[in-house]
N, C-alpha and C. Protein backbone atom coordinates (compact mmCIF):
# COMPACT_ATOMS: atom_id res chain seq x y z
N MET A 1 0.83 -1.20 0.00
CA MET A 1 0.00 0.00 0.00
C MET A 1 0.87 1.25 0.00
N ASP A 2 1.96 1.24 0.79
CA ASP A 2 2.84 2.40 0.86
C ASP A 2 3.49 2.67 -0.49
N SER A 3 3.87 1.60 -1.17
CA SER A 3 4.52 1.74 -2.47
C SER A 3 3.54 2.31 -3.49
N ALA A 4 2.30 1.81 -3.47
CA ALA A 4 1.28 2.29 -4.40
C ALA A 4 0.97 3.75 -4.15
N LEU A 5 0.86 4.14 -2.88
CA LEU A 5 0.57 5.52 -2.53
C LEU A 5 1.71 6.43 -2.96
N GLN A 6 2.93 5.96 -2.76
CA GLN A 6 4.10 6.74 -3.14
C GLN A 6 4.13 6.97 -4.65
N GLN A 7 3.74 5.93 -5.40
CA GLN A 7 3.72 6.04 -6.86
C GLN A 7 2.68 7.07 -7.32
N LYS A 8 1.51 7.08 -6.64
CA LYS A 8 0.47 8.05 -6.98
C LYS A 8 0.92 9.48 -6.70
N VAL A 9 1.63 9.66 -5.59
CA VAL A 9 2.14 10.99 -5.25
C VAL A 9 3.14 11.46 -6.30
N ILE A 10 3.99 10.54 -6.74
CA ILE A 10 4.99 10.88 -7.77
C ILE A 10 4.30 11.27 -9.07
N GLU A 11 3.28 10.50 -9.45
CA GLU A 11 2.55 10.78 -10.69
C GLU A 11 1.83 12.12 -10.61
N ALA A 12 1.23 12.42 -9.45
CA ALA A 12 0.52 13.70 -9.28
C ALA A 12 1.50 14.86 -9.36
N THR A 13 2.68 14.67 -8.75
CA THR A 13 3.71 15.72 -8.78
C THR A 13 4.19 15.97 -10.19
N GLN A 14 4.39 14.90 -10.94
CA GLN A 14 4.85 15.02 -12.33
C GLN A 14 3.80 15.75 -13.18
N CYS A 15 2.53 15.46 -12.91
CA CYS A 15 1.45 16.11 -13.65
C CYS A 15 1.44 17.61 -13.39
N VAL A 16 1.59 18.00 -12.12
CA VAL A 16 1.63 19.41 -11.77
C VAL A 16 2.83 20.09 -12.40
N GLU A 17 3.98 19.40 -12.41
CA GLU A 17 5.19 19.97 -13.00
C GLU A 17 5.02 20.21 -14.49
N LYS A 18 4.33 19.27 -15.17
CA LYS A 18 4.08 19.44 -16.61
C LYS A 18 3.20 20.65 -16.87
N GLN A 19 2.19 20.83 -16.02
CA GLN A 19 1.30 21.98 -16.19
C GLN A 19 2.05 23.28 -15.97
N LEU A 20 2.92 23.32 -14.95
CA LEU A 20 3.72 24.51 -14.68
C LEU A 20 4.68 24.80 -15.83
N ASP A 21 5.30 23.74 -16.36
CA ASP A 21 6.22 23.91 -17.49
C ASP A 21 5.51 24.49 -18.70
N ALA A 22 4.27 24.02 -18.92
CA ALA A 22 3.49 24.51 -20.06
C ALA A 22 3.15 25.99 -19.89
N GLU A 23 2.78 26.40 -18.66
CA GLU A 23 2.47 27.80 -18.40
C GLU A 23 3.71 28.67 -18.55
N ILE A 24 4.84 28.19 -18.06
CA ILE A 24 6.09 28.94 -18.18
C ILE A 24 6.47 29.11 -19.65
N GLN A 25 6.27 28.04 -20.43
CA GLN A 25 6.59 28.10 -21.85
C GLN A 25 5.72 29.14 -22.57
N LYS A 26 4.44 29.21 -22.18
CA LYS A 26 3.54 30.20 -22.77
C LYS A 26 4.05 31.61 -22.49
N LEU A 27 4.46 31.84 -21.24
CA LEU A 27 4.97 33.15 -20.86
C LEU A 27 6.27 33.48 -21.61
N ASP A 28 7.13 32.46 -21.78
CA ASP A 28 8.39 32.68 -22.48
C ASP A 28 8.17 33.05 -23.94
N ASN A 29 7.07 32.54 -24.51
CA ASN A 29 6.78 32.79 -25.93
C ASN A 29 6.11 34.14 -26.17
N LEU A 30 5.71 34.81 -25.09
CA LEU A 30 5.08 36.11 -25.25
C LEU A 30 6.15 37.17 -25.49
N ASP A 31 5.87 38.07 -26.43
CA ASP A 31 6.79 39.19 -26.64
C ASP A 31 6.21 40.44 -25.98
N ILE A 32 6.87 41.56 -26.15
CA ILE A 32 6.45 42.79 -25.49
C ILE A 32 5.06 43.22 -25.92
N SER A 33 4.76 43.04 -27.21
CA SER A 33 3.44 43.44 -27.71
C SER A 33 2.33 42.59 -27.10
N ASP A 34 2.63 41.30 -26.86
CA ASP A 34 1.64 40.42 -26.23
C ASP A 34 1.34 40.88 -24.80
N PHE A 35 2.38 41.22 -24.07
CA PHE A 35 2.19 41.71 -22.71
C PHE A 35 1.38 43.00 -22.72
N ALA A 36 1.64 43.84 -23.69
CA ALA A 36 0.92 45.11 -23.80
C ALA A 36 -0.57 44.86 -24.06
N LYS A 37 -0.87 43.87 -24.90
CA LYS A 37 -2.26 43.54 -25.20
C LYS A 37 -2.97 42.99 -23.97
N VAL A 38 -2.28 42.13 -23.23
CA VAL A 38 -2.85 41.57 -22.01
C VAL A 38 -3.16 42.68 -21.01
N ARG A 39 -2.21 43.59 -20.87
CA ARG A 39 -2.40 44.72 -19.95
C ARG A 39 -3.54 45.62 -20.40
N GLU A 40 -3.62 45.87 -21.71
CA GLU A 40 -4.67 46.72 -22.25
C GLU A 40 -6.05 46.11 -22.03
N ASN A 41 -6.16 44.79 -22.28
CA ASN A 41 -7.44 44.11 -22.08
C ASN A 41 -7.85 44.13 -20.61
N ARG A 42 -6.86 43.97 -19.74
CA ARG A 42 -7.12 44.00 -18.31
C ARG A 42 -7.63 45.37 -17.89
N LEU A 43 -7.01 46.41 -18.38
CA LEU A 43 -7.41 47.77 -18.04
C LEU A 43 -8.82 48.08 -18.56
N LYS A 44 -9.14 47.57 -19.75
CA LYS A 44 -10.48 47.77 -20.30
C LYS A 44 -11.54 47.12 -19.42
N LYS A 45 -11.25 45.90 -18.97
CA LYS A 45 -12.19 45.19 -18.11
C LYS A 45 -12.38 45.92 -16.78
N LEU A 46 -11.28 46.41 -16.22
CA LEU A 46 -11.37 47.14 -14.96
C LEU A 46 -12.16 48.45 -15.13
N LYS A 47 -11.95 49.11 -16.26
CA LYS A 47 -12.66 50.36 -16.53
C LYS A 47 -14.16 50.12 -16.68
N LEU A 48 -14.52 49.04 -17.40
CA LEU A 48 -15.93 48.72 -17.58
C LEU A 48 -16.58 48.33 -16.26
N LEU A 49 -15.82 47.59 -15.43
CA LEU A 49 -16.34 47.19 -14.13
C LEU A 49 -16.56 48.40 -13.24
N GLN A 50 -15.63 49.33 -13.26
CA GLN A 50 -15.76 50.54 -12.46
C GLN A 50 -16.94 51.38 -12.93
N GLN A 51 -17.13 51.44 -14.25
CA GLN A 51 -18.26 52.19 -14.80
C GLN A 51 -19.58 51.54 -14.40
N GLN A 52 -19.61 50.20 -14.43
CA GLN A 52 -20.82 49.48 -14.04
C GLN A 52 -21.14 49.72 -12.57
N LYS A 53 -20.12 49.71 -11.72
CA LYS A 53 -20.33 49.96 -10.29
C LYS A 53 -20.88 51.37 -10.06
N GLN A 54 -20.36 52.33 -10.83
CA GLN A 54 -20.83 53.70 -10.69
C GLN A 54 -22.29 53.83 -11.11
N ASN A 55 -22.66 53.11 -12.18
CA ASN A 55 -24.05 53.10 -12.63
C ASN A 55 -24.96 52.52 -11.55
N TRP A 56 -24.53 51.43 -10.93
CA TRP A 56 -25.32 50.81 -9.86
C TRP A 56 -25.53 51.78 -8.71
N LEU A 57 -24.46 52.44 -8.31
CA LEU A 57 -24.56 53.39 -7.19
C LEU A 57 -25.49 54.54 -7.52
N THR A 58 -25.48 54.98 -8.78
CA THR A 58 -26.37 56.05 -9.22
C THR A 58 -27.83 55.64 -9.11
N LEU A 59 -28.09 54.34 -9.31
CA LEU A 59 -29.46 53.82 -9.23
C LEU A 59 -29.88 53.49 -7.79
N GLY A 60 -29.03 53.80 -6.85
CA GLY A 60 -29.38 53.57 -5.45
C GLY A 60 -28.94 52.23 -4.91
N HIS A 61 -28.15 51.49 -5.70
CA HIS A 61 -27.61 50.23 -5.18
C HIS A 61 -26.61 50.54 -4.08
N GLY A 62 -26.41 49.57 -3.20
CA GLY A 62 -25.51 49.78 -2.07
C GLY A 62 -26.22 50.23 -0.82
N GLU A 63 -27.51 50.53 -0.95
CA GLU A 63 -28.32 50.93 0.19
C GLU A 63 -29.61 50.11 0.23
N TYR A 64 -30.13 49.92 1.41
CA TYR A 64 -31.39 49.20 1.62
C TYR A 64 -32.47 50.25 1.82
N THR A 65 -33.37 50.38 0.84
CA THR A 65 -34.31 51.49 0.84
C THR A 65 -35.76 51.02 0.84
N GLU A 66 -36.64 51.96 1.16
CA GLU A 66 -38.08 51.71 1.19
C GLU A 66 -38.70 52.09 -0.16
N VAL A 67 -39.54 51.19 -0.69
CA VAL A 67 -40.35 51.49 -1.86
C VAL A 67 -41.76 51.78 -1.37
N TYR A 68 -42.29 52.96 -1.68
CA TYR A 68 -43.51 53.42 -1.01
C TYR A 68 -44.80 53.09 -1.75
N ASP A 69 -44.74 52.79 -3.05
CA ASP A 69 -45.97 52.45 -3.75
C ASP A 69 -45.66 51.62 -4.99
N GLU A 70 -46.73 51.14 -5.66
CA GLU A 70 -46.55 50.29 -6.82
C GLU A 70 -45.79 50.98 -7.95
N LYS A 71 -46.09 52.26 -8.18
CA LYS A 71 -45.43 52.99 -9.27
C LYS A 71 -43.93 53.04 -9.06
N GLU A 72 -43.52 53.33 -7.83
CA GLU A 72 -42.09 53.37 -7.54
C GLU A 72 -41.45 52.00 -7.72
N PHE A 73 -42.17 50.94 -7.33
CA PHE A 73 -41.64 49.59 -7.49
C PHE A 73 -41.39 49.28 -8.97
N PHE A 74 -42.36 49.61 -9.83
CA PHE A 74 -42.20 49.32 -11.26
C PHE A 74 -41.10 50.18 -11.87
N ASP A 75 -40.92 51.39 -11.36
CA ASP A 75 -39.82 52.24 -11.83
C ASP A 75 -38.47 51.60 -11.47
N VAL A 76 -38.39 51.08 -10.26
CA VAL A 76 -37.15 50.42 -9.82
C VAL A 76 -36.86 49.19 -10.67
N SER A 77 -37.91 48.41 -10.96
CA SER A 77 -37.72 47.17 -11.72
C SER A 77 -37.30 47.44 -13.17
N LYS A 78 -37.64 48.63 -13.68
CA LYS A 78 -37.23 48.99 -15.03
C LYS A 78 -35.76 49.40 -15.08
N LYS A 79 -35.27 49.97 -13.99
CA LYS A 79 -33.90 50.50 -13.96
C LYS A 79 -32.88 49.47 -13.50
N SER A 80 -33.27 48.63 -12.54
CA SER A 80 -32.33 47.66 -11.96
C SER A 80 -32.63 46.25 -12.45
N GLU A 81 -31.61 45.58 -12.94
CA GLU A 81 -31.79 44.23 -13.48
C GLU A 81 -32.03 43.21 -12.37
N ASN A 82 -31.33 43.36 -11.26
CA ASN A 82 -31.44 42.41 -10.14
C ASN A 82 -32.01 43.12 -8.91
N ILE A 83 -33.08 42.55 -8.36
CA ILE A 83 -33.75 43.18 -7.22
C ILE A 83 -34.02 42.15 -6.13
N VAL A 84 -33.73 42.54 -4.90
CA VAL A 84 -34.09 41.76 -3.71
C VAL A 84 -35.07 42.61 -2.92
N CYS A 85 -36.34 42.19 -2.89
CA CYS A 85 -37.37 43.01 -2.27
C CYS A 85 -38.09 42.26 -1.16
N LEU A 86 -38.06 42.84 0.04
CA LEU A 86 -38.77 42.26 1.18
C LEU A 86 -40.20 42.82 1.23
N PHE A 87 -41.18 41.94 1.27
CA PHE A 87 -42.57 42.32 1.51
C PHE A 87 -42.82 42.16 3.01
N TYR A 88 -43.18 43.26 3.66
CA TYR A 88 -43.21 43.24 5.12
C TYR A 88 -44.46 43.91 5.68
N LYS A 89 -44.62 43.75 7.00
CA LYS A 89 -45.61 44.48 7.79
C LYS A 89 -44.91 45.05 9.01
N ASP A 90 -45.39 46.19 9.48
CA ASP A 90 -44.74 46.86 10.61
C ASP A 90 -44.77 46.04 11.89
N ASP A 91 -45.84 45.24 12.07
CA ASP A 91 -46.00 44.51 13.33
C ASP A 91 -45.40 43.11 13.30
N SER A 92 -44.55 42.83 12.31
CA SER A 92 -43.94 41.50 12.20
C SER A 92 -42.51 41.51 12.74
N PRO A 93 -42.23 40.83 13.85
CA PRO A 93 -40.87 40.77 14.40
C PRO A 93 -39.87 40.16 13.43
N ARG A 94 -40.33 39.16 12.68
CA ARG A 94 -39.42 38.50 11.75
C ARG A 94 -39.02 39.41 10.59
N CYS A 95 -39.88 40.34 10.23
CA CYS A 95 -39.52 41.30 9.19
C CYS A 95 -38.36 42.18 9.66
N LYS A 96 -38.35 42.50 10.93
CA LYS A 96 -37.27 43.32 11.48
C LYS A 96 -35.95 42.54 11.49
N ILE A 97 -36.04 41.24 11.65
CA ILE A 97 -34.83 40.40 11.58
C ILE A 97 -34.27 40.43 10.16
N VAL A 98 -35.15 40.29 9.17
CA VAL A 98 -34.72 40.34 7.77
C VAL A 98 -34.13 41.70 7.45
N ASP A 99 -34.73 42.77 7.96
CA ASP A 99 -34.21 44.12 7.78
C ASP A 99 -32.73 44.20 8.14
N HIS A 100 -32.40 43.64 9.28
CA HIS A 100 -31.02 43.68 9.78
C HIS A 100 -30.06 43.04 8.78
N HIS A 101 -30.42 41.88 8.25
CA HIS A 101 -29.53 41.16 7.34
C HIS A 101 -29.45 41.84 5.98
N LEU A 102 -30.57 42.33 5.47
CA LEU A 102 -30.57 42.95 4.14
C LEU A 102 -29.79 44.27 4.13
N LYS A 103 -29.78 44.98 5.25
CA LYS A 103 -28.97 46.21 5.33
C LYS A 103 -27.50 45.88 5.14
N ILE A 104 -27.06 44.78 5.71
CA ILE A 104 -25.66 44.35 5.58
C ILE A 104 -25.36 43.92 4.15
N LEU A 105 -26.25 43.12 3.58
CA LEU A 105 -26.02 42.58 2.24
C LEU A 105 -26.11 43.65 1.16
N ALA A 106 -26.93 44.66 1.39
CA ALA A 106 -27.07 45.73 0.39
C ALA A 106 -25.74 46.44 0.17
N LYS A 107 -24.99 46.66 1.24
CA LYS A 107 -23.69 47.33 1.13
C LYS A 107 -22.65 46.43 0.47
N LYS A 108 -22.81 45.14 0.67
CA LYS A 108 -21.83 44.18 0.14
C LYS A 108 -22.07 43.84 -1.32
N HIS A 109 -23.34 43.79 -1.72
CA HIS A 109 -23.68 43.35 -3.08
C HIS A 109 -24.35 44.49 -3.85
N ILE A 110 -23.53 45.37 -4.40
CA ILE A 110 -24.10 46.49 -5.14
C ILE A 110 -24.58 46.08 -6.52
N GLU A 111 -24.37 44.82 -6.89
CA GLU A 111 -24.88 44.33 -8.18
C GLU A 111 -26.39 44.15 -8.17
N ALA A 112 -27.01 44.27 -7.00
CA ALA A 112 -28.47 44.13 -6.88
C ALA A 112 -29.04 45.31 -6.10
N LYS A 113 -30.30 45.62 -6.37
CA LYS A 113 -31.03 46.65 -5.65
C LYS A 113 -31.77 45.98 -4.50
N PHE A 114 -31.48 46.39 -3.27
CA PHE A 114 -32.14 45.86 -2.08
C PHE A 114 -33.18 46.86 -1.61
N CYS A 115 -34.41 46.40 -1.45
CA CYS A 115 -35.47 47.31 -1.02
C CYS A 115 -36.53 46.53 -0.24
N LYS A 116 -37.46 47.27 0.34
CA LYS A 116 -38.58 46.65 1.04
C LYS A 116 -39.86 47.40 0.72
N LEU A 117 -40.99 46.70 0.89
CA LEU A 117 -42.27 47.25 0.49
C LEU A 117 -43.33 46.82 1.50
N ASN A 118 -44.07 47.78 2.02
CA ASN A 118 -45.12 47.49 2.99
C ASN A 118 -46.36 46.96 2.26
N VAL A 119 -46.78 45.74 2.57
CA VAL A 119 -47.89 45.11 1.84
C VAL A 119 -49.21 45.85 2.05
N GLU A 120 -49.33 46.55 3.17
CA GLU A 120 -50.58 47.27 3.45
C GLU A 120 -50.71 48.53 2.59
N ARG A 121 -49.59 49.04 2.09
CA ARG A 121 -49.63 50.21 1.21
C ARG A 121 -49.70 49.84 -0.27
N CYS A 122 -49.41 48.57 -0.57
CA CYS A 122 -49.36 48.14 -1.97
C CYS A 122 -50.19 46.88 -2.19
N PRO A 123 -51.50 46.95 -1.99
CA PRO A 123 -52.35 45.76 -2.11
C PRO A 123 -52.38 45.17 -3.52
N PHE A 124 -52.33 46.04 -4.55
CA PHE A 124 -52.39 45.54 -5.93
C PHE A 124 -51.19 44.67 -6.24
N LEU A 125 -49.99 45.16 -5.93
CA LEU A 125 -48.76 44.41 -6.22
C LEU A 125 -48.69 43.15 -5.37
N THR A 126 -49.11 43.26 -4.12
CA THR A 126 -49.12 42.10 -3.23
C THR A 126 -50.02 41.00 -3.76
N GLU A 127 -51.17 41.40 -4.27
CA GLU A 127 -52.11 40.44 -4.85
C GLU A 127 -51.55 39.86 -6.14
N ARG A 128 -50.97 40.71 -6.95
CA ARG A 128 -50.43 40.27 -8.25
C ARG A 128 -49.32 39.23 -8.08
N LEU A 129 -48.47 39.44 -7.08
CA LEU A 129 -47.37 38.50 -6.84
C LEU A 129 -47.76 37.37 -5.89
N ARG A 130 -49.02 37.37 -5.49
CA ARG A 130 -49.57 36.30 -4.63
C ARG A 130 -48.78 36.15 -3.32
N ILE A 131 -48.47 37.27 -2.72
CA ILE A 131 -47.78 37.26 -1.43
C ILE A 131 -48.79 36.92 -0.34
N LYS A 132 -48.60 35.81 0.33
CA LYS A 132 -49.54 35.38 1.38
C LYS A 132 -48.90 35.32 2.77
N ILE A 133 -47.61 35.08 2.80
CA ILE A 133 -46.90 34.91 4.07
C ILE A 133 -45.92 36.06 4.26
N ILE A 134 -45.85 36.57 5.47
CA ILE A 134 -44.92 37.64 5.82
C ILE A 134 -43.94 37.13 6.88
N PRO A 135 -42.63 37.32 6.68
CA PRO A 135 -42.00 38.03 5.57
C PRO A 135 -41.82 37.14 4.33
N THR A 136 -41.88 37.75 3.16
CA THR A 136 -41.53 37.09 1.90
C THR A 136 -40.54 37.98 1.16
N ILE A 137 -39.46 37.37 0.69
CA ILE A 137 -38.46 38.09 -0.10
C ILE A 137 -38.63 37.67 -1.56
N ALA A 138 -38.93 38.64 -2.42
CA ALA A 138 -39.04 38.37 -3.85
C ALA A 138 -37.69 38.63 -4.52
N LEU A 139 -37.25 37.68 -5.34
CA LEU A 139 -35.97 37.79 -6.04
C LEU A 139 -36.28 37.98 -7.52
N ILE A 140 -35.94 39.15 -8.03
CA ILE A 140 -36.38 39.57 -9.37
C ILE A 140 -35.18 39.78 -10.28
N VAL A 141 -35.26 39.21 -11.48
CA VAL A 141 -34.22 39.35 -12.49
C VAL A 141 -34.87 39.80 -13.80
N LYS A 142 -34.41 40.93 -14.31
CA LYS A 142 -34.91 41.48 -15.57
C LYS A 142 -36.43 41.60 -15.56
N SER A 143 -36.96 42.19 -14.51
CA SER A 143 -38.39 42.49 -14.35
C SER A 143 -39.26 41.25 -14.19
N LYS A 144 -38.66 40.08 -13.98
CA LYS A 144 -39.41 38.85 -13.77
C LYS A 144 -39.07 38.27 -12.40
N THR A 145 -40.11 37.91 -11.65
CA THR A 145 -39.89 37.32 -10.34
C THR A 145 -39.39 35.90 -10.52
N LYS A 146 -38.13 35.68 -10.16
CA LYS A 146 -37.50 34.39 -10.40
C LYS A 146 -37.70 33.41 -9.26
N ASP A 147 -37.82 33.94 -8.04
CA ASP A 147 -37.89 33.04 -6.89
C ASP A 147 -38.41 33.82 -5.69
N TYR A 148 -38.82 33.09 -4.65
CA TYR A 148 -39.27 33.68 -3.40
C TYR A 148 -38.60 32.97 -2.24
N ILE A 149 -38.30 33.72 -1.20
CA ILE A 149 -37.89 33.12 0.08
C ILE A 149 -39.02 33.44 1.05
N VAL A 150 -39.77 32.42 1.42
CA VAL A 150 -40.98 32.60 2.22
C VAL A 150 -40.69 32.24 3.68
N GLY A 151 -40.87 33.22 4.57
CA GLY A 151 -40.59 32.95 5.98
C GLY A 151 -39.14 32.55 6.18
N PHE A 152 -38.89 31.74 7.19
CA PHE A 152 -37.53 31.30 7.50
C PHE A 152 -37.34 29.79 7.27
N THR A 153 -38.31 29.16 6.63
CA THR A 153 -38.25 27.71 6.43
C THR A 153 -36.96 27.29 5.73
N GLU A 154 -36.55 28.04 4.70
CA GLU A 154 -35.36 27.67 3.93
C GLU A 154 -34.07 28.15 4.58
N LEU A 155 -34.19 28.77 5.74
CA LEU A 155 -33.02 29.26 6.47
C LEU A 155 -32.84 28.54 7.79
N GLY A 156 -33.35 27.32 7.84
CA GLY A 156 -33.24 26.52 9.06
C GLY A 156 -34.41 26.70 10.00
N ASN A 157 -35.41 27.51 9.58
CA ASN A 157 -36.61 27.77 10.39
C ASN A 157 -36.24 28.24 11.80
N ARG A 158 -35.30 29.19 11.84
CA ARG A 158 -34.85 29.73 13.12
C ARG A 158 -34.60 31.23 12.97
N ASP A 159 -34.79 31.96 14.06
CA ASP A 159 -34.65 33.41 14.00
C ASP A 159 -33.19 33.87 14.03
N ASP A 160 -32.29 33.02 14.49
CA ASP A 160 -30.89 33.43 14.64
C ASP A 160 -30.02 32.93 13.49
N PHE A 161 -30.59 32.84 12.28
CA PHE A 161 -29.79 32.42 11.13
C PHE A 161 -28.73 33.48 10.83
N LEU A 162 -27.64 33.07 10.20
CA LEU A 162 -26.54 33.97 9.88
C LEU A 162 -26.84 34.78 8.62
N THR A 163 -26.27 35.96 8.54
CA THR A 163 -26.40 36.77 7.33
C THR A 163 -25.87 36.01 6.13
N GLU A 164 -24.79 35.27 6.32
CA GLU A 164 -24.19 34.51 5.23
C GLU A 164 -25.13 33.43 4.71
N ALA A 165 -25.97 32.89 5.59
CA ALA A 165 -26.94 31.88 5.16
C ALA A 165 -27.97 32.49 4.21
N LEU A 166 -28.46 33.67 4.55
CA LEU A 166 -29.40 34.37 3.67
C LEU A 166 -28.71 34.79 2.38
N GLU A 167 -27.48 35.24 2.49
CA GLU A 167 -26.71 35.64 1.31
C GLU A 167 -26.58 34.47 0.33
N TYR A 168 -26.23 33.31 0.87
CA TYR A 168 -26.07 32.12 0.04
C TYR A 168 -27.39 31.72 -0.62
N ARG A 169 -28.49 31.76 0.16
CA ARG A 169 -29.80 31.38 -0.38
C ARG A 169 -30.23 32.33 -1.50
N ILE A 170 -30.02 33.63 -1.31
CA ILE A 170 -30.37 34.59 -2.36
C ILE A 170 -29.56 34.32 -3.62
N SER A 171 -28.29 34.00 -3.45
CA SER A 171 -27.41 33.79 -4.60
C SER A 171 -27.82 32.60 -5.45
N LEU A 172 -28.53 31.64 -4.87
CA LEU A 172 -28.94 30.46 -5.62
C LEU A 172 -29.88 30.80 -6.77
N SER A 173 -30.50 31.97 -6.71
CA SER A 173 -31.38 32.42 -7.78
C SER A 173 -30.66 33.32 -8.77
N GLY A 174 -29.39 33.57 -8.55
CA GLY A 174 -28.60 34.35 -9.48
C GLY A 174 -28.77 35.85 -9.36
N VAL A 175 -29.43 36.30 -8.29
CA VAL A 175 -29.67 37.74 -8.12
C VAL A 175 -28.41 38.44 -7.63
N ILE A 176 -27.62 37.76 -6.81
CA ILE A 176 -26.34 38.28 -6.35
C ILE A 176 -25.28 37.22 -6.58
N GLN A 177 -24.03 37.64 -6.50
CA GLN A 177 -22.91 36.72 -6.66
C GLN A 177 -22.38 36.32 -5.29
N TYR A 178 -22.17 35.03 -5.13
CA TYR A 178 -21.65 34.52 -3.87
C TYR A 178 -20.36 33.79 -4.15
N GLU A 179 -19.30 34.14 -3.43
CA GLU A 179 -18.01 33.51 -3.65
C GLU A 179 -18.04 32.07 -3.19
N ASP A 180 -17.79 31.16 -4.15
CA ASP A 180 -17.73 29.74 -3.80
C ASP A 180 -16.47 29.46 -2.99
N THR A 181 -16.59 28.63 -1.98
CA THR A 181 -15.44 28.26 -1.17
C THR A 181 -15.12 26.79 -1.39
N GLN A 182 -13.94 26.39 -1.01
CA GLN A 182 -13.54 25.00 -1.14
C GLN A 182 -14.39 24.10 -0.25
N SER A 183 -14.55 22.86 -0.67
CA SER A 183 -15.39 21.92 0.09
C SER A 183 -14.89 21.76 1.51
N ALA A 184 -13.57 21.82 1.68
CA ALA A 184 -13.02 21.68 3.03
C ALA A 184 -13.49 22.80 3.93
N GLU A 185 -13.60 24.01 3.35
CA GLU A 185 -14.09 25.15 4.12
C GLU A 185 -15.58 25.03 4.37
N ASN A 186 -16.32 24.51 3.38
CA ASN A 186 -17.76 24.35 3.53
C ASN A 186 -18.10 23.42 4.68
N ASN A 187 -17.24 22.43 4.90
CA ASN A 187 -17.49 21.48 5.99
C ASN A 187 -17.41 22.17 7.35
N LYS A 188 -16.77 23.34 7.40
CA LYS A 188 -16.66 24.07 8.65
C LYS A 188 -17.87 25.00 8.88
N LYS A 189 -18.79 25.01 7.92
CA LYS A 189 -19.95 25.90 7.99
C LYS A 189 -21.22 25.08 8.13
N PRO A 190 -21.60 24.72 9.34
CA PRO A 190 -22.78 23.86 9.55
C PRO A 190 -24.07 24.48 9.04
N TRP A 191 -24.13 25.81 8.92
CA TRP A 191 -25.35 26.47 8.46
C TRP A 191 -25.70 26.09 7.03
N LEU A 192 -24.71 25.62 6.24
CA LEU A 192 -24.98 25.24 4.86
C LEU A 192 -26.01 24.12 4.78
N SER A 193 -26.00 23.24 5.76
CA SER A 193 -26.95 22.12 5.75
C SER A 193 -28.36 22.58 6.08
N GLN A 194 -28.49 23.81 6.63
CA GLN A 194 -29.81 24.32 7.01
C GLN A 194 -30.49 25.05 5.85
N VAL A 195 -29.70 25.51 4.89
CA VAL A 195 -30.26 26.26 3.76
C VAL A 195 -30.84 25.30 2.73
N VAL A 196 -32.11 25.49 2.41
CA VAL A 196 -32.79 24.63 1.45
C VAL A 196 -32.55 25.18 0.05
N LYS A 197 -32.00 24.36 -0.85
CA LYS A 197 -31.77 24.79 -2.22
C LYS A 197 -33.05 24.62 -3.03
N PRO A 198 -33.51 25.67 -3.71
CA PRO A 198 -34.74 25.56 -4.50
C PRO A 198 -34.53 24.68 -5.72
N LYS A 199 -35.42 23.69 -5.89
CA LYS A 199 -35.32 22.81 -7.06
C LYS A 199 -35.98 23.44 -8.28
N THR A 200 -37.04 24.18 -8.03
CA THR A 200 -37.76 24.86 -9.11
C THR A 200 -38.17 26.23 -8.63
N ILE A 201 -38.56 27.07 -9.57
CA ILE A 201 -39.10 28.38 -9.22
C ILE A 201 -40.46 28.18 -8.61
N LYS A 202 -40.64 28.64 -7.40
CA LYS A 202 -41.88 28.33 -6.70
C LYS A 202 -42.62 29.59 -6.31
N GLY A 203 -43.91 29.43 -6.08
CA GLY A 203 -44.73 30.56 -5.66
C GLY A 203 -44.56 30.84 -4.20
N PRO A 204 -45.04 31.98 -3.74
CA PRO A 204 -44.83 32.40 -2.37
C PRO A 204 -45.92 31.96 -1.42
N ASN A 205 -46.54 30.82 -1.68
CA ASN A 205 -47.69 30.43 -0.87
C ASN A 205 -47.38 29.36 0.16
N THR A 206 -46.08 29.05 0.32
CA THR A 206 -45.69 28.04 1.29
C THR A 206 -46.07 28.49 2.69
N SER A 207 -46.73 27.61 3.43
CA SER A 207 -47.16 27.99 4.78
C SER A 207 -46.08 27.70 5.79
N ASN A 208 -46.09 28.47 6.87
CA ASN A 208 -45.13 28.29 7.95
C ASN A 208 -45.79 28.81 9.21
N SER A 209 -45.93 27.95 10.18
CA SER A 209 -46.68 28.30 11.39
C SER A 209 -46.06 29.44 12.16
N ASP A 210 -44.76 29.68 11.97
CA ASP A 210 -44.07 30.74 12.70
C ASP A 210 -44.16 32.09 12.01
N ASP A 211 -44.69 32.12 10.80
CA ASP A 211 -44.81 33.36 10.07
C ASP A 211 -46.26 33.78 9.98
N SER A 212 -46.50 35.04 9.68
CA SER A 212 -47.86 35.57 9.75
C SER A 212 -48.47 35.76 8.38
N ASP A 213 -49.79 35.53 8.29
CA ASP A 213 -50.53 35.83 7.08
C ASP A 213 -50.69 37.33 6.95
N ILE A 214 -50.88 37.78 5.72
CA ILE A 214 -51.08 39.21 5.47
C ILE A 214 -52.39 39.67 6.08
N GLU A 215 -53.41 38.89 5.92
CA GLU A 215 -54.74 39.29 6.38
C GLU A 215 -54.93 39.05 7.87
C-alpha cells in the first residue's frame, strides 16, 4: 500500500510539474506586444467594471431602501436588473430580523437593488405577486420574479440564522454573486446544511406556522 501511494504521489507531482512547465513556456513565448495587449485588455475590463459599479450606485444600489408604492416599485424594476425586495408588515418581528440582514447585504452586493415594500400600502402588487406569508423576499431578475424566500423555512426555520446563510440562499437564484469556497471550508460551515436549495421556481404560498398571514 505504501509503495502504491508513493507512486500516486509521484505521478501527481509530475502532472503538476508538466502543467507549470506549459504555463512557463507560454509566458516565455510572449513578446512585449503580447504583454501590452494583455495589460490593455485587463485595463479595459477594470474600466468597464468601475463604470458598471458607478451606474449601480447612481441607481441607489448599495443601500437598503423603502419602496412606497406600486409605481415606484415598477420604476425600480425597469432601472435595476437584479432586485431583492422584502414584503413586510410593521407589526412582524421576523420582518425586522430580515431588515437587519438585508442592510448588511445591500452594502456588500451592489450588483443588486435591495429594497422593502409594505404590503398594506401596496395591495395591488401584493395580490399580483400572490404574497400570502410575511416576511416574503421576492428575487427579481430582468423584471421577472425568479424566486421567493418565504418565511424562515429555507433558512433553518430559526430566527438566529446567519447573514451569510441568507446571502447564500439569495445567490442560488442568481440575483447576487456569492463567492464559492472550497469543500473543506464548507465542511466548517454547519449552516450550509440548514439552507434549502430551490429545485424549481416556486410561488410564495408556502405555509409556515411561525410566520404571519397578510390578512
